[in-house]
Amino acid sequence: MKNFLHNSRHKTIAIVCVLGISSAYAMPKNIQALRKMYLSPKSQWQKPQVDSSVLWEELSALPDTPPYPESNPYSLAKAKLGERLFFDPILSQSKQIACATCHDKELGFADGRSVSYGHNRQLGKRNAPSVVMSAFGKEKFWDGRAKDLESQALFPIADPKEMAYSPQKAVKRLAKDASYKAMFKEAFGSDEITTERLAQAIATYERTLMPKNSRFDKFMKGQFQALSDKEVWGLHLFRTKARCMNCHYGASFSDESFHNLGLTYYGRKYEDLGLFHTTGNTEDIGKFKTPSLRNVVKTAPYMHNGLFPHLRGVLNAYNGGMFHPNANTKELEDKTRKNLPYPKTDLLLKPLNLSSDEIQALEAFLKTL
């Protein structure tokens, strides 16, 4: 598997996507015992298989309402204003690109592309993450460069490859629109339009975006027939043999942290050093934020670079332990790297030895989120 990383990304996709695929399917003999356990209170569930260093939380249903910070409390007027701004290309230099251009409601608030098109059809470097579940966690973007959702809302406006404008110019443009001035007044008490208010409105709308009535949440709230036996088995595998809860747990199905999955492409065309670009800490080379798995079936392609077009390919790669490349002699002697250490794949990633049936069950469970 290590040698694959020195070939094209397309060969990587082709190889990992065929591993472990089978049309046969068999339910485990203890499925009724597993179902009985998961009908019990969570305190009676089998403990998840996680490393001792992981401060995990048990899986749970989403709250009825998303959390809002004290500095930007919810109001309906603010959410409506934020929704209009989110879908309005007025915030871009060309007046052709909106937040919704890369975060399409019909595509799980992602865009279905490996990387997104922006201003003048420029291609970005990373996959557009879904905006669903934005209310959870702190740092935003794959590399954590925004400290919160309000900060994140302004980055795309100023990015030369995205909206190629500036928040300050966008505010002046909005101030010329009487209908926007009226909406800002209703949301904030005066018709003054500032970059801070612009960010607060967009963030307020984005926090409303949570999956509604997922079958997993119904199951967790007592509607136990919401999950089939196959999906219950997948839930059990998620918590145990598949080791998913090392990084995906709680109501959000994310540890809101950063990990290196071996997809840094160090020294090659698709190199991306991730969190290191934000912190400058060499220990962060190649780390990217753990996304929520909520709504995951709608947000393909996957990973920070959109490497995997299908969920099964992701599961097969994890089943193999992901990628653990080692530096070759040329890379070790490359003086242009400015003494940057070769990135190390997270030690949480290990071969799982899941059967084809188990991978199918795990995928079936993920589709309930």
Foldseek 3Di string as FASTA:
>chain_A
DQVCLVDDLVVVQVVLLPPQADPDADFDPCLVVLLVQLLDPPVSHDAFDADPVFPFDAAAADDPAFDDDPVQDDDPLLLVLLVCQQPFLLLFPVRPAHVCCQQPVQLQGGHLDLFDFAPPRATDQWGGDHLAPLSDAAFDDFQSQHRHQLSVVQVQSCDCRHRVHHLVVSQVSLLVDPVQLVSLCVVPVGSRGDSSSNSSSNSNNSSRRYDPPFLVNVCNVNPVVSDDSLLSLLVNCCRYLLNQRNAAHYNQGGPQDKFALPPQSPPDDSHDQGNCVRVVDLLSGRITTDHGLGVVQSNADDDTSRSHRHPSSVSSCLLQQGHAHDDDPCRVPPVVVVPRDDHGGDPRGDHRPDHSNNSVSNVSNSNRD
